[in-house]
Amino acid sequence: MHLDLPEKRYYAIGEVAKAFNVNASLIRFWEKEFDIIKPKKNTKGNRKFTPEDIKNLKFIYHLVKERGFTLEGAKIHLKEEKKQALEKFEIVEKLQNIKAQLIKIKSQL
C-alpha cells in the first residue's frame, strides 16, 4: 500500500483518513482498539499522528482490510508475532515500491 502522505513529523487525523481512504472515525476506533497507535494530542485535543503511528496504521490496515483479519485476530497477531510480522510487511512494502519505480522507469524508455 502506497500512501500519499508528505514526510512530516506529525499528521492530522484528516490527512491520515484521506491517505487511507477511510473515515476519521475508523482511525479513532483503531486508536482505541490497538494500543500501538498512540497519537499525541495538542491543547485542543486534536490528534497528531507520528510516522511511527502511520507505520502501525498501515500494518493494521494490511491485516484487517487486505488480509481479512478480524480485529481480535489482528490484535492477537500483533501481540504474538509483531516484530517478525512487521519486518516482513516492511520488506514487502519496500519491494512493492521498488517494483513501482521500475515500472515507471520502464514506461519512460
PDB file of N, CA and C in Angstrom:
ATOM      1  N   MET A   1       0.846  -1.176   0.000  1.00  0.00           N
ATOM      2  CA  MET A   1       0.000   0.000   0.000  1.00  0.00           C
ATOM      3  C   MET A   1       0.886   1.232   0.000  1.00  0.00           C
ATOM      4  N   HIS A   2       0.666   2.082  -0.953  1.00  0.00           N
ATOM      5  CA  HIS A   2       1.432   3.325  -1.025  1.00  0.00           C
ATOM      6  C   HIS A   2       0.522   4.468  -0.597  1.00  0.00           C
ATOM      7  N   LEU A   3       0.928   5.167   0.457  1.00  0.00           N
ATOM      8  CA  LEU A   3       0.139   6.293   0.941  1.00  0.00           C
ATOM      9  C   LEU A   3       0.645   7.582   0.336  1.00  0.00           C
ATOM     10  N   ASP A   4      -0.284   8.466   0.067  1.00  0.00           N
ATOM     11  CA  ASP A   4       0.072   9.768  -0.485  1.00  0.00           C
ATOM     12  C   ASP A   4       0.189  10.768   0.663  1.00  0.00           C
ATOM     13  N   LEU A   5       1.248  10.604   1.477  1.00  0.00           N
ATOM     14  CA  LEU A   5       1.495  11.495   2.596  1.00  0.00           C
ATOM     15  C   LEU A   5       2.890  12.087   2.470  1.00  0.00           C
ATOM     16  N   PRO A   6       3.003  13.409   2.552  1.00  0.00           N
ATOM     17  CA  PRO A   6       4.347  14.002   2.550  1.00  0.00           C
ATOM     18  C   PRO A   6       5.052  13.629   3.856  1.00  0.00           C
ATOM     19  N   GLU A   7       6.368  13.653   3.837  1.00  0.00           N
ATOM     20  CA  GLU A   7       7.096  13.315   5.061  1.00  0.00           C
ATOM     21  C   GLU A   7       7.048  14.499   6.018  1.00  0.00           C
ATOM     22  N   LYS A   8       6.437  14.259   7.175  1.00  0.00           N
ATOM     23  CA  LYS A   8       6.302  15.288   8.203  1.00  0.00           C
ATOM     24  C   LYS A   8       6.507  14.641   9.563  1.00  0.00           C
ATOM     25  N   ARG A   9       6.641  15.469  10.577  1.00  0.00           N
ATOM     26  CA  ARG A   9       6.757  14.958  11.954  1.00  0.00           C
ATOM     27  C   ARG A   9       5.410  14.501  12.486  1.00  0.00           C
ATOM     28  N   TYR A  10       4.360  15.233  12.120  1.00  0.00           N
ATOM     29  CA  TYR A  10       3.025  14.929  12.621  1.00  0.00           C
ATOM     30  C   TYR A  10       2.002  15.078  11.502  1.00  0.00           C
ATOM     31  N   TYR A  11       0.962  14.262  11.594  1.00  0.00           N
ATOM     32  CA  TYR A  11      -0.123  14.295  10.619  1.00  0.00           C
ATOM     33  C   TYR A  11      -1.449  14.456  11.361  1.00  0.00           C
ATOM     34  N   ALA A  12      -2.323  15.282  10.814  1.00  0.00           N
ATOM     35  CA  ALA A  12      -3.662  15.455  11.381  1.00  0.00           C
ATOM     36  C   ALA A  12      -4.510  14.236  11.013  1.00  0.00           C
ATOM     37  N   ILE A  13      -5.533  13.988  11.782  1.00  0.00           N
ATOM     38  CA  ILE A  13      -6.375  12.812  11.541  1.00  0.00           C
ATOM     39  C   ILE A  13      -7.043  12.878  10.168  1.00  0.00           C
ATOM     40  N   GLY A  14      -7.385  14.080   9.711  1.00  0.00           N
ATOM     41  CA  GLY A  14      -7.990  14.217   8.382  1.00  0.00           C
ATOM     42  C   GLY A  14      -7.041  13.782   7.278  1.00  0.00           C
ATOM     43  N   GLU A  15      -5.770  14.132   7.408  1.00  0.00           N
ATOM     44  CA  GLU A  15      -4.755  13.724   6.428  1.00  0.00           C
ATOM     45  C   GLU A  15      -4.607  12.202   6.414  1.00  0.00           C
ATOM     46  N   VAL A  16      -4.586  11.636   7.609  1.00  0.00           N
ATOM     47  CA  VAL A  16      -4.407  10.191   7.741  1.00  0.00           C
ATOM     48  C   VAL A  16      -5.604   9.458   7.143  1.00  0.00           C
ATOM     49  N   ALA A  17      -6.796   9.892   7.481  1.00  0.00           N
ATOM     50  CA  ALA A  17      -8.011   9.255   6.969  1.00  0.00           C
ATOM     51  C   ALA A  17      -8.057   9.336   5.443  1.00  0.00           C
ATOM     52  N   LYS A  18      -7.713  10.492   4.904  1.00  0.00           N
ATOM     53  CA  LYS A  18      -7.726  10.673   3.451  1.00  0.00           C
ATOM     54  C   LYS A  18      -6.697   9.760   2.784  1.00  0.00           C
ATOM     55  N   ALA A  19      -5.511   9.662   3.366  1.00  0.00           N
ATOM     56  CA  ALA A  19      -4.457   8.819   2.804  1.00  0.00           C
ATOM     57  C   ALA A  19      -4.865   7.346   2.773  1.00  0.00           C
ATOM     58  N   PHE A  20      -5.587   6.893   3.804  1.00  0.00           N
ATOM     59  CA  PHE A  20      -6.039   5.511   3.865  1.00  0.00           C
ATOM     60  C   PHE A  20      -7.387   5.305   3.172  1.00  0.00           C
ATOM     61  N   ASN A  21      -7.997   6.405   2.744  1.00  0.00           N
ATOM     62  CA  ASN A  21      -9.308   6.369   2.093  1.00  0.00           C
ATOM     63  C   ASN A  21     -10.362   5.733   3.013  1.00  0.00           C
ATOM     64  N   VAL A  22     -10.342   6.180   4.270  1.00  0.00           N
ATOM     65  CA  VAL A  22     -11.316   5.721   5.264  1.00  0.00           C
ATOM     66  C   VAL A  22     -11.833   6.948   6.024  1.00  0.00           C
ATOM     67  N   ASN A  23     -12.870   6.750   6.805  1.00  0.00           N
ATOM     68  CA  ASN A  23     -13.390   7.836   7.640  1.00  0.00           C
ATOM     69  C   ASN A  23     -12.493   8.047   8.852  1.00  0.00           C
ATOM     70  N   ALA A  24     -12.443   9.283   9.321  1.00  0.00           N
ATOM     71  CA  ALA A  24     -11.664   9.596  10.525  1.00  0.00           C
ATOM     72  C   ALA A  24     -12.165   8.785  11.714  1.00  0.00           C
ATOM     73  N   SER A  25     -13.454   8.464  11.719  1.00  0.00           N
ATOM     74  CA  SER A  25     -13.996   7.678  12.831  1.00  0.00           C
ATOM     75  C   SER A  25     -13.346   6.296  12.904  1.00  0.00           C
ATOM     76  N   LEU A  26     -12.988   5.718  11.750  1.00  0.00           N
ATOM     77  CA  LEU A  26     -12.318   4.415  11.764  1.00  0.00           C
ATOM     78  C   LEU A  26     -10.924   4.543  12.365  1.00  0.00           C
ATOM     79  N   ILE A  27     -10.231   5.627  12.049  1.00  0.00           N
ATOM     80  CA  ILE A  27      -8.900   5.848  12.627  1.00  0.00           C
ATOM     81  C   ILE A  27      -9.014   5.991  14.142  1.00  0.00           C
ATOM     82  N   ARG A  28     -10.007   6.762  14.612  1.00  0.00           N
ATOM     83  CA  ARG A  28     -10.210   6.912  16.069  1.00  0.00           C
ATOM     84  C   ARG A  28     -10.559   5.565  16.699  1.00  0.00           C
ATOM     85  N   PHE A  29     -11.377   4.764  16.011  1.00  0.00           N
ATOM     86  CA  PHE A  29     -11.756   3.452  16.516  1.00  0.00           C
ATOM     87  C   PHE A  29     -10.535   2.557  16.641  1.00  0.00           C
ATOM     88  N   TRP A  30      -9.699   2.531  15.602  1.00  0.00           N
ATOM     89  CA  TRP A  30      -8.491   1.708  15.658  1.00  0.00           C
ATOM     90  C   TRP A  30      -7.559   2.190  16.760  1.00  0.00           C
ATOM     91  N   GLU A  31      -7.533   3.496  16.981  1.00  0.00           N
ATOM     92  CA  GLU A  31      -6.698   4.038  18.069  1.00  0.00           C
ATOM     93  C   GLU A  31      -7.140   3.450  19.406  1.00  0.00           C
ATOM     94  N   LYS A  32      -8.446   3.340  19.612  1.00  0.00           N
ATOM     95  CA  LYS A  32      -8.970   2.774  20.866  1.00  0.00           C
ATOM     96  C   LYS A  32      -8.723   1.275  20.949  1.00  0.00           C
ATOM     97  N   GLU A  33      -8.812   0.597  19.822  1.00  0.00           N
ATOM     98  CA  GLU A  33      -8.696  -0.864  19.798  1.00  0.00           C
ATOM     99  C   GLU A  33      -7.256  -1.375  19.857  1.00  0.00           C
ATOM    100  N   PHE A  34      -6.325  -0.624  19.282  1.00  0.00           N
ATOM    101  CA  PHE A  34      -4.940  -1.088  19.175  1.00  0.00           C
ATOM    102  C   PHE A  34      -4.028  -0.163  19.970  1.00  0.00           C
ATOM    103  N   ASP A  35      -3.389  -0.713  20.989  1.00  0.00           N
ATOM    104  CA  ASP A  35      -2.557   0.112  21.867  1.00  0.00           C
ATOM    105  C   ASP A  35      -1.245   0.559  21.223  1.00  0.00           C
ATOM    106  N   ILE A  36      -0.927   0.069  20.029  1.00  0.00           N
ATOM    107  CA  ILE A  36       0.304   0.512  19.370  1.00  0.00           C
ATOM    108  C   ILE A  36       0.108   1.858  18.658  1.00  0.00           C
ATOM    109  N   ILE A  37      -1.131   2.322  18.566  1.00  0.00           N
ATOM    110  CA  ILE A  37      -1.396   3.630  17.960  1.00  0.00           C
ATOM    111  C   ILE A  37      -1.592   4.627  19.095  1.00  0.00           C
ATOM    112  N   LYS A  38      -0.636   5.542  19.206  1.00  0.00           N
ATOM    113  CA  LYS A  38      -0.659   6.497  20.317  1.00  0.00           C
ATOM    114  C   LYS A  38      -0.394   7.909  19.805  1.00  0.00           C
ATOM    115  N   PRO A  39      -1.363   8.516  19.128  1.00  0.00           N
ATOM    116  CA  PRO A  39      -1.115   9.877  18.634  1.00  0.00           C
ATOM    117  C   PRO A  39      -1.002  10.858  19.796  1.00  0.00           C
ATOM    118  N   LYS A  40      -0.216  11.865  19.568  1.00  0.00           N
ATOM    119  CA  LYS A  40      -0.120  12.935  20.557  1.00  0.00           C
ATOM    120  C   LYS A  40      -1.345  13.817  20.372  1.00  0.00           C
ATOM    121  N   LYS A  41      -1.717  14.535  21.426  1.00  0.00           N
ATOM    122  CA  LYS A  41      -2.850  15.453  21.323  1.00  0.00           C
ATOM    123  C   LYS A  41      -2.383  16.838  21.738  1.00  0.00           C
ATOM    124  N   ASN A  42      -2.814  17.832  20.955  1.00  0.00           N
ATOM    125  CA  ASN A  42      -2.445  19.203  21.311  1.00  0.00           C
ATOM    126  C   ASN A  42      -3.400  19.725  22.377  1.00  0.00           C
ATOM    127  N   THR A  43      -3.272  20.975  22.757  1.00  0.00           N
ATOM    128  CA  THR A  43      -4.087  21.533  23.839  1.00  0.00           C
ATOM    129  C   THR A  43      -5.579  21.519  23.512  1.00  0.00           C
ATOM    130  N   LYS A  44      -5.913  21.546  22.234  1.00  0.00           N
ATOM    131  CA  LYS A  44      -7.324  21.475  21.824  1.00  0.00           C
ATOM    132  C   LYS A  44      -7.837  20.042  21.766  1.00  0.00           C
ATOM    133  N   GLY A  45      -6.948  19.079  21.932  1.00  0.00           N
ATOM    134  CA  GLY A  45      -7.344  17.677  21.876  1.00  0.00           C
ATOM    135  C   GLY A  45      -7.256  17.073  20.486  1.00  0.00           C
ATOM    136  N   ASN A  46      -6.724  17.828  19.527  1.00  0.00           N
ATOM    137  CA  ASN A  46      -6.570  17.311  18.169  1.00  0.00           C
ATOM    138  C   ASN A  46      -5.441  16.295  18.128  1.00  0.00           C
ATOM    139  N   ARG A  47      -5.694  15.188  17.452  1.00  0.00           N
ATOM    140  CA  ARG A  47      -4.693  14.127  17.346  1.00  0.00           C
ATOM    141  C   ARG A  47      -3.615  14.507  16.344  1.00  0.00           C
ATOM    142  N   LYS A  48      -2.384  14.181  16.694  1.00  0.00           N
ATOM    143  CA  LYS A  48      -1.234  14.384  15.813  1.00  0.00           C
ATOM    144  C   LYS A  48      -0.505  13.052  15.717  1.00  0.00           C
ATOM    145  N   PHE A  49      -0.604  12.422  14.557  1.00  0.00           N
ATOM    146  CA  PHE A  49      -0.021  11.105  14.348  1.00  0.00           C
ATOM    147  C   PHE A  49       1.428  11.223  13.889  1.00  0.00           C
ATOM    148  N   THR A  50       2.301  10.416  14.469  1.00  0.00           N
ATOM    149  CA  THR A  50       3.717  10.403  14.114  1.00  0.00           C
ATOM    150  C   THR A  50       3.934   9.422  12.952  1.00  0.00           C
ATOM    151  N   PRO A  51       5.091   9.491  12.306  1.00  0.00           N
ATOM    152  CA  PRO A  51       5.394   8.491  11.276  1.00  0.00           C
ATOM    153  C   PRO A  51       5.322   7.056  11.816  1.00  0.00           C
ATOM    154  N   GLU A  52       5.678   6.850  13.079  1.00  0.00           N
ATOM    155  CA  GLU A  52       5.566   5.521  13.690  1.00  0.00           C
ATOM    156  C   GLU A  52       4.099   5.091  13.770  1.00  0.00           C
ATOM    157  N   ASP A  53       3.213   6.028  14.136  1.00  0.00           N
ATOM    158  CA  ASP A  53       1.776   5.725  14.153  1.00  0.00           C
ATOM    159  C   ASP A  53       1.300   5.339  12.754  1.00  0.00           C
ATOM    160  N   ILE A  54       1.770   6.061  11.744  1.00  0.00           N
ATOM    161  CA  ILE A  54       1.369   5.786  10.361  1.00  0.00           C
ATOM    162  C   ILE A  54       1.818   4.391   9.957  1.00  0.00           C
ATOM    163  N   LYS A  55       3.048   4.029  10.317  1.00  0.00           N
ATOM    164  CA  LYS A  55       3.560   2.684  10.014  1.00  0.00           C
ATOM    165  C   LYS A  55       2.678   1.620  10.666  1.00  0.00           C
ATOM    166  N   ASN A  56       2.308   1.842  11.921  1.00  0.00           N
ATOM    167  CA  ASN A  56       1.450   0.883  12.621  1.00  0.00           C
ATOM    168  C   ASN A  56       0.054   0.839  12.014  1.00  0.00           C
ATOM    169  N   LEU A  57      -0.470   1.987  11.624  1.00  0.00           N
ATOM    170  CA  LEU A  57      -1.781   2.020  10.968  1.00  0.00           C
ATOM    171  C   LEU A  57      -1.743   1.276   9.633  1.00  0.00           C
ATOM    172  N   LYS A  58      -0.652   1.419   8.892  1.00  0.00           N
ATOM    173  CA  LYS A  58      -0.512   0.712   7.621  1.00  0.00           C
ATOM    174  C   LYS A  58      -0.541  -0.797   7.855  1.00  0.00           C
ATOM    175  N   PHE A  59       0.123  -1.233   8.926  1.00  0.00           N
ATOM    176  CA  PHE A  59       0.152  -2.661   9.223  1.00  0.00           C
ATOM    177  C   PHE A  59      -1.236  -3.146   9.642  1.00  0.00           C
ATOM    178  N   ILE A  60      -1.921  -2.392  10.470  1.00  0.00           N
ATOM    179  CA  ILE A  60      -3.280  -2.760  10.881  1.00  0.00           C
ATOM    180  C   ILE A  60      -4.196  -2.786   9.660  1.00  0.00           C
ATOM    181  N   TYR A  61      -4.086  -1.770   8.807  1.00  0.00           N
ATOM    182  CA  TYR A  61      -4.890  -1.720   7.584  1.00  0.00           C
ATOM    183  C   TYR A  61      -4.623  -2.968   6.743  1.00  0.00           C
ATOM    184  N   HIS A  62      -3.361  -3.332   6.606  1.00  0.00           N
ATOM    185  CA  HIS A  62      -2.983  -4.520   5.837  1.00  0.00           C
ATOM    186  C   HIS A  62      -3.641  -5.775   6.411  1.00  0.00           C
ATOM    187  N   LEU A  63      -3.553  -5.936   7.728  1.00  0.00           N
ATOM    188  CA  LEU A  63      -4.125  -7.126   8.356  1.00  0.00           C
ATOM    189  C   LEU A  63      -5.646  -7.171   8.220  1.00  0.00           C
ATOM    190  N   VAL A  64      -6.298  -6.056   8.519  1.00  0.00           N
ATOM    191  CA  VAL A  64      -7.764  -6.033   8.578  1.00  0.00           C
ATOM    192  C   VAL A  64      -8.397  -5.905   7.190  1.00  0.00           C
ATOM    193  N   LYS A  65      -7.934  -4.955   6.411  1.00  0.00           N
ATOM    194  CA  LYS A  65      -8.583  -4.661   5.129  1.00  0.00           C
ATOM    195  C   LYS A  65      -8.083  -5.530   3.979  1.00  0.00           C
ATOM    196  N   GLU A  66      -6.795  -5.842   3.976  1.00  0.00           N
ATOM    197  CA  GLU A  66      -6.237  -6.586   2.849  1.00  0.00           C
ATOM    198  C   GLU A  66      -6.187  -8.089   3.096  1.00  0.00           C
ATOM    199  N   ARG A  67      -5.903  -8.489   4.324  1.00  0.00           N
ATOM    200  CA  ARG A  67      -5.806  -9.920   4.617  1.00  0.00           C
ATOM    201  C   ARG A  67      -7.063 -10.475   5.262  1.00  0.00           C
ATOM    202  N   GLY A  68      -7.997  -9.612   5.640  1.00  0.00           N
ATOM    203  CA  GLY A  68      -9.291 -10.067   6.162  1.00  0.00           C
ATOM    204  C   GLY A  68      -9.295 -10.527   7.606  1.00  0.00           C
ATOM    205  N   PHE A  69      -8.316 -10.102   8.399  1.00  0.00           N
ATOM    206  CA  PHE A  69      -8.303 -10.454   9.815  1.00  0.00           C
ATOM    207  C   PHE A  69      -9.474  -9.770  10.525  1.00  0.00           C
ATOM    208  N   THR A  70     -10.008 -10.427  11.534  1.00  0.00           N
ATOM    209  CA  THR A  70     -10.937  -9.746  12.436  1.00  0.00           C
ATOM    210  C   THR A  70     -10.101  -8.842  13.328  1.00  0.00           C
ATOM    211  N   LEU A  71     -10.743  -7.932  14.034  1.00  0.00           N
ATOM    212  CA  LEU A  71      -9.988  -7.073  14.955  1.00  0.00           C
ATOM    213  C   LEU A  71      -9.290  -7.910  16.014  1.00  0.00           C
ATOM    214  N   GLU A  72      -9.991  -8.899  16.549  1.00  0.00           N
ATOM    215  CA  GLU A  72      -9.381  -9.763  17.564  1.00  0.00           C
ATOM    216  C   GLU A  72      -8.209 -10.532  16.984  1.00  0.00           C
ATOM    217  N   GLY A  73      -8.385 -11.043  15.768  1.00  0.00           N
ATOM    218  CA  GLY A  73      -7.304 -11.775  15.110  1.00  0.00           C
ATOM    219  C   GLY A  73      -6.091 -10.892  14.875  1.00  0.00           C
ATOM    220  N   ALA A  74      -6.340  -9.655  14.465  1.00  0.00           N
ATOM    221  CA  ALA A  74      -5.249  -8.709  14.227  1.00  0.00           C
ATOM    222  C   ALA A  74      -4.525  -8.395  15.533  1.00  0.00           C
ATOM    223  N   LYS A  75      -5.289  -8.229  16.616  1.00  0.00           N
ATOM    224  CA  LYS A  75      -4.673  -7.943  17.922  1.00  0.00           C
ATOM    225  C   LYS A  75      -3.776  -9.092  18.359  1.00  0.00           C
ATOM    226  N   ILE A  76      -4.276 -10.309  18.210  1.00  0.00           N
ATOM    227  CA  ILE A  76      -3.502 -11.495  18.598  1.00  0.00           C
ATOM    228  C   ILE A  76      -2.245 -11.585  17.744  1.00  0.00           C
ATOM    229  N   HIS A  77      -2.411 -11.379  16.448  1.00  0.00           N
ATOM    230  CA  HIS A  77      -1.272 -11.439  15.526  1.00  0.00           C
ATOM    231  C   HIS A  77      -0.224 -10.396  15.906  1.00  0.00           C
ATOM    232  N   LEU A  78      -0.671  -9.198  16.231  1.00  0.00           N
ATOM    233  CA  LEU A  78       0.261  -8.135  16.622  1.00  0.00           C
ATOM    234  C   LEU A  78       1.002  -8.486  17.901  1.00  0.00           C
ATOM    235  N   LYS A  79       0.291  -9.040  18.884  1.00  0.00           N
ATOM    236  CA  LYS A  79       0.928  -9.364  20.159  1.00  0.00           C
ATOM    237  C   LYS A  79       1.901 -10.526  20.027  1.00  0.00           C
ATOM    238  N   GLU A  80       1.498 -11.569  19.304  1.00  0.00           N
ATOM    239  CA  GLU A  80       2.303 -12.775  19.238  1.00  0.00           C
ATOM    240  C   GLU A  80       3.476 -12.667  18.271  1.00  0.00           C
ATOM    241  N   GLU A  81       3.253 -12.004  17.153  1.00  0.00           N
ATOM    242  CA  GLU A  81       4.264 -12.021  16.109  1.00  0.00           C
ATOM    243  C   GLU A  81       4.581 -10.626  15.589  1.00  0.00           C
ATOM    244  N   LYS A  82       4.415  -9.615  16.425  1.00  0.00           N
ATOM    245  CA  LYS A  82       4.523  -8.240  15.948  1.00  0.00           C
ATOM    246  C   LYS A  82       5.843  -7.948  15.247  1.00  0.00           C
ATOM    247  N   LYS A  83       6.937  -8.199  15.901  1.00  0.00           N
ATOM    248  CA  LYS A  83       8.219  -7.812  15.324  1.00  0.00           C
ATOM    249  C   LYS A  83       8.479  -8.540  14.010  1.00  0.00           C
ATOM    250  N   GLN A  84       8.309  -9.837  13.995  1.00  0.00           N
ATOM    251  CA  GLN A  84       8.571 -10.623  12.797  1.00  0.00           C
ATOM    252  C   GLN A  84       7.584 -10.262  11.682  1.00  0.00           C
ATOM    253  N   ALA A  85       6.314 -10.150  12.008  1.00  0.00           N
ATOM    254  CA  ALA A  85       5.307  -9.826  11.003  1.00  0.00           C
ATOM    255  C   ALA A  85       5.507  -8.415  10.457  1.00  0.00           C
ATOM    256  N   LEU A  86       5.845  -7.483  11.321  1.00  0.00           N
ATOM    257  CA  LEU A  86       6.063  -6.104  10.888  1.00  0.00           C
ATOM    258  C   LEU A  86       7.283  -6.015   9.980  1.00  0.00           C
ATOM    259  N   GLU A  87       8.326  -6.769  10.298  1.00  0.00           N
ATOM    260  CA  GLU A  87       9.522  -6.775   9.448  1.00  0.00           C
ATOM    261  C   GLU A  87       9.184  -7.319   8.058  1.00  0.00           C
ATOM    262  N   LYS A  88       8.429  -8.417   8.006  1.00  0.00           N
ATOM    263  CA  LYS A  88       8.027  -8.985   6.714  1.00  0.00           C
ATOM    264  C   LYS A  88       7.183  -7.988   5.932  1.00  0.00           C
ATOM    265  N   PHE A  89       6.245  -7.340   6.607  1.00  0.00           N
ATOM    266  CA  PHE A  89       5.386  -6.355   5.959  1.00  0.00           C
ATOM    267  C   PHE A  89       6.219  -5.213   5.390  1.00  0.00           C
ATOM    268  N   GLU A  90       7.188  -4.733   6.148  1.00  0.00           N
ATOM    269  CA  GLU A  90       8.038  -3.633   5.686  1.00  0.00           C
ATOM    270  C   GLU A  90       8.872  -4.046   4.481  1.00  0.00           C
ATOM    271  N   ILE A  91       9.364  -5.279   4.481  1.00  0.00           N
ATOM    272  CA  ILE A  91      10.143  -5.764   3.338  1.00  0.00           C
ATOM    273  C   ILE A  91       9.264  -5.833   2.098  1.00  0.00           C
ATOM    274  N   VAL A  92       8.084  -6.391   2.228  1.00  0.00           N
ATOM    275  CA  VAL A  92       7.158  -6.475   1.092  1.00  0.00           C
ATOM    276  C   VAL A  92       6.808  -5.085   0.589  1.00  0.00           C
ATOM    277  N   GLU A  93       6.560  -4.168   1.503  1.00  0.00           N
ATOM    278  CA  GLU A  93       6.216  -2.800   1.121  1.00  0.00           C
ATOM    279  C   GLU A  93       7.361  -2.149   0.350  1.00  0.00           C
ATOM    280  N   LYS A  94       8.598  -2.338   0.800  1.00  0.00           N
ATOM    281  CA  LYS A  94       9.752  -1.776   0.096  1.00  0.00           C
ATOM    282  C   LYS A  94       9.889  -2.382  -1.294  1.00  0.00           C
ATOM    283  N   LEU A  95       9.680  -3.703  -1.389  1.00  0.00           N
ATOM    284  CA  LEU A  95       9.759  -4.354  -2.693  1.00  0.00           C
ATOM    285  C   LEU A  95       8.677  -3.847  -3.645  1.00  0.00           C
ATOM    286  N   GLN A  96       7.479  -3.604  -3.120  1.00  0.00           N
ATOM    287  CA  GLN A  96       6.401  -3.068  -3.955  1.00  0.00           C
ATOM    288  C   GLN A  96       6.744  -1.667  -4.448  1.00  0.00           C
ATOM    289  N   ASN A  97       7.372  -0.860  -3.600  1.00  0.00           N
ATOM    290  CA  ASN A  97       7.786   0.486  -4.015  1.00  0.00           C
ATOM    291  C   ASN A  97       8.866   0.412  -5.088  1.00  0.00           C
ATOM    292  N   ILE A  98       9.808  -0.513  -4.934  1.00  0.00           N
ATOM    293  CA  ILE A  98      10.868  -0.691  -5.934  1.00  0.00           C
ATOM    294  C   ILE A  98      10.253  -1.132  -7.255  1.00  0.00           C
ATOM    295  N   LYS A  99       9.308  -2.069  -7.190  1.00  0.00           N
ATOM    296  CA  LYS A  99       8.634  -2.547  -8.397  1.00  0.00           C
ATOM    297  C   LYS A  99       7.927  -1.394  -9.108  1.00  0.00           C
ATOM    298  N   ALA A 100       7.218  -0.564  -8.346  1.00  0.00           N
ATOM    299  CA  ALA A 100       6.512   0.577  -8.933  1.00  0.00           C
ATOM    300  C   ALA A 100       7.492   1.536  -9.598  1.00  0.00           C
ATOM    301  N   GLN A 101       8.636   1.758  -8.964  1.00  0.00           N
ATOM    302  CA  GLN A 101       9.654   2.641  -9.548  1.00  0.00           C
ATOM    303  C   GLN A 101      10.231   2.044 -10.826  1.00  0.00           C
ATOM    304  N   LEU A 102      10.473   0.730 -10.834  1.00  0.00           N
ATOM    305  CA  LEU A 102      10.998   0.079 -12.021  1.00  0.00           C
ATOM    306  C   LEU A 102      10.000   0.118 -13.179  1.00  0.00           C
ATOM    307  N   ILE A 103       8.736  -0.077 -12.872  1.00  0.00           N
ATOM    308  CA  ILE A 103       7.694   0.002 -13.902  1.00  0.00           C
ATOM    309  C   ILE A 103       7.629   1.408 -14.471  1.00  0.00           C
ATOM    310  N   LYS A 104       7.762   2.398 -13.606  1.00  0.00           N
ATOM    311  CA  LYS A 104       7.747   3.787 -14.062  1.00  0.00           C
ATOM    312  C   LYS A 104       8.937   4.064 -14.975  1.00  0.00           C
ATOM    313  N   ILE A 105      10.121   3.580 -14.596  1.00  0.00           N
ATOM    314  CA  ILE A 105      11.322   3.764 -15.424  1.00  0.00           C
ATOM    315  C   ILE A 105      11.143   3.066 -16.766  1.00  0.00           C
ATOM    316  N   LYS A 106      10.603   1.839 -16.728  1.00  0.00           N
ATOM    317  CA  LYS A 106      10.393   1.082 -17.961  1.00  0.00           C
ATOM    318  C   LYS A 106       9.457   1.817 -18.903  1.00  0.00           C
ATOM    319  N   SER A 107       8.411   2.423 -18.368  1.00  0.00           N
ATOM    320  CA  SER A 107       7.444   3.116 -19.216  1.00  0.00           C
ATOM    321  C   SER A 107       8.035   4.382 -19.837  1.00  0.00           C
ATOM    322  N   GLN A 108       9.116   4.892 -19.249  1.00  0.00           N
ATOM    323  CA  GLN A 108       9.755   6.096 -19.772  1.00  0.00           C
ATOM    324  C   GLN A 108      10.799   5.787 -20.849  1.00  0.00           C
ATOM    325  N   LEU A 109      11.111   4.498 -21.013  1.00  0.00           N
ATOM    326  CA  LEU A 109      12.113   4.111 -22.026  1.00  0.00           C
ATOM    327  C   LEU A 109      11.539   4.183 -23.434  1.00  0.00           C
TER     328      LEU A 109
END
